[in-house]
């Protein structure tokens, strides 16, 4: 059972996390012209969240997806999952780039495939 002190701490933690997420989204979007953060995982054919958007199916854990267009940036707000991005088709190539569960970034090289994994 939660005590009033624990409930207050939990509420404060949730409020702080929400403020940090909102601040991250606002700062990053304004600084680099990124689209606003919202829940899900999105892959972009251009840098800084521009170009063609591919929406990642976060419920399809472990399946390799080869993209028709290489991606150069991503935005991920997923909680329990991460996206692994590979430079080669069929989830091949030198070590995948792991997004984590809260991130937006340009990739060091174009990615041609991805898979969703637990974070």
Protein backbone atom coordinates (compact mmCIF):
# COMPACT_ATOMS: atom_id res chain seq x y z
CA UNK A 1 0.00 0.00 0.00
CA UNK A 2 1.27 3.47 -0.82
CA UNK A 3 1.77 5.93 2.00
CA UNK A 4 0.92 9.61 1.37
CA UNK A 5 4.65 10.38 1.24
CA UNK A 6 5.21 7.74 -1.47
CA UNK A 7 2.24 9.02 -3.47
CA UNK A 8 3.67 12.53 -3.34
CA UNK A 9 7.11 11.29 -4.43
CA UNK A 10 5.56 9.30 -7.30
CA UNK A 11 3.55 12.30 -8.46
CA UNK A 12 6.65 14.52 -8.29
CA UNK A 13 8.67 11.99 -10.29
CA UNK A 14 6.00 11.74 -12.99
CA UNK A 15 5.73 15.55 -13.19
CA UNK A 16 9.52 15.93 -13.47
CA UNK A 17 9.71 13.30 -16.22
CA UNK A 18 6.89 14.98 -18.16
CA UNK A 19 8.58 18.38 -17.86
CA UNK A 20 11.89 16.93 -19.04
CA UNK A 21 10.23 15.27 -22.03
CA UNK A 22 8.40 18.45 -22.97
CA UNK A 23 11.59 20.49 -22.55
CA UNK A 24 13.61 18.03 -24.64
CA UNK A 25 11.04 18.14 -27.41
CA UNK A 26 10.80 21.91 -27.43
CA UNK A 27 14.52 22.56 -27.24
CA UNK A 28 15.52 19.97 -29.82
CA UNK A 29 12.75 20.92 -32.22
CA UNK A 30 13.58 24.61 -32.07
CA UNK A 31 17.33 24.09 -32.24
CA UNK A 32 17.36 21.82 -35.27
CA UNK A 33 13.87 22.25 -36.76
CA UNK A 34 12.82 18.76 -35.72
CA UNK A 35 9.14 17.82 -35.76
CA UNK A 36 7.56 17.92 -32.27
CA UNK A 37 8.12 14.79 -30.17
CA UNK A 38 5.18 12.45 -29.83
CA UNK A 39 4.84 8.82 -28.82
CA UNK A 40 6.08 6.26 -31.35
CA UNK A 41 9.12 5.69 -33.53
CA UNK A 42 9.70 7.51 -36.81
CA UNK A 43 12.46 7.18 -39.41
CA UNK A 44 13.22 10.03 -41.80
CA UNK A 45 14.90 9.99 -45.21
CA UNK A 46 16.45 13.42 -44.54
CA UNK A 47 18.47 14.89 -41.68
CA UNK A 48 16.85 16.59 -38.67
CA UNK A 49 13.55 14.76 -39.10
CA UNK A 50 12.89 15.85 -42.69
CA UNK A 51 11.96 13.98 -45.85
CA UNK A 52 9.87 10.85 -46.20
CA UNK A 53 8.62 9.44 -42.87
CA UNK A 54 8.48 5.73 -42.05
CA UNK A 55 6.40 4.86 -38.97
CA UNK A 56 7.87 1.90 -37.07
CA UNK A 57 5.49 -0.85 -35.89
CA UNK A 58 6.63 -1.11 -32.27
CA UNK A 59 4.58 -4.28 -31.68
CA UNK A 60 6.57 -6.24 -34.29
CA UNK A 61 9.49 -7.24 -32.05
CA UNK A 62 12.49 -8.94 -33.66
CA UNK A 63 11.35 -8.83 -37.30
CA UNK A 64 13.85 -7.32 -39.75
CA UNK A 65 12.39 -4.66 -42.04
CA UNK A 66 14.27 -3.54 -45.16
CA UNK A 67 13.47 0.03 -46.17
CA UNK A 68 12.75 1.14 -49.74
CA UNK A 69 14.50 4.47 -49.04
CA UNK A 70 17.55 4.85 -46.76
CA UNK A 71 16.95 6.83 -43.57
CA UNK A 72 19.24 9.56 -42.21
CA UNK A 73 17.50 10.49 -38.94
CA UNK A 74 15.06 9.14 -36.37
CA UNK A 75 12.81 10.18 -33.52
CA UNK A 76 11.82 7.64 -30.84
CA UNK A 77 9.54 7.99 -27.80
CA UNK A 78 8.70 4.39 -26.96
CA UNK A 79 9.20 3.52 -23.30
CA UNK A 80 9.83 -0.25 -23.35
CA UNK A 81 11.32 -0.63 -26.86
CA UNK A 82 14.32 0.44 -28.90
CA UNK A 83 14.95 0.43 -32.65
CA UNK A 84 18.13 -1.07 -34.09
CA UNK A 85 19.11 0.56 -37.40
CA UNK A 86 21.43 -1.27 -39.81
CA UNK A 87 23.48 0.14 -42.70
CA UNK A 88 22.74 -2.88 -44.92
CA UNK A 89 19.52 -4.43 -46.20
CA UNK A 90 18.28 -7.47 -44.29
CA UNK A 91 19.65 -6.15 -40.97
CA UNK A 92 23.26 -6.55 -42.05
CA UNK A 93 26.31 -4.37 -41.82
CA UNK A 94 28.74 -3.22 -39.19
CA UNK A 95 27.01 -3.08 -35.81
CA UNK A 96 23.52 -1.61 -35.62
CA UNK A 97 22.77 1.86 -34.27
CA UNK A 98 20.51 1.50 -31.19
CA UNK A 99 18.09 4.37 -30.66
CA UNK A 100 17.14 3.76 -27.05
CA UNK A 101 13.60 4.54 -25.93
CA UNK A 102 13.73 8.38 -25.93
CA UNK A 103 15.92 9.91 -28.62
CA UNK A 104 16.14 11.93 -31.80
CA UNK A 105 19.28 12.07 -33.87
CA UNK A 106 20.88 12.13 -37.27
CA UNK A 107 22.58 8.85 -38.15
CA UNK A 108 26.33 8.65 -38.83
CA UNK A 109 25.53 6.80 -42.08
CA UNK A 110 22.32 5.93 -43.97
CA UNK A 111 20.35 2.98 -42.59
CA UNK A 112 18.68 0.49 -44.94
CA UNK A 113 16.93 -1.77 -42.42
CA UNK A 114 15.73 -1.96 -38.84
CA UNK A 115 14.25 -4.19 -36.12
CA UNK A 116 12.45 -3.41 -32.86
CA UNK A 117 13.85 -4.84 -29.63
CA UNK A 118 13.14 -4.47 -25.91
CA UNK A 119 14.92 -1.39 -24.52
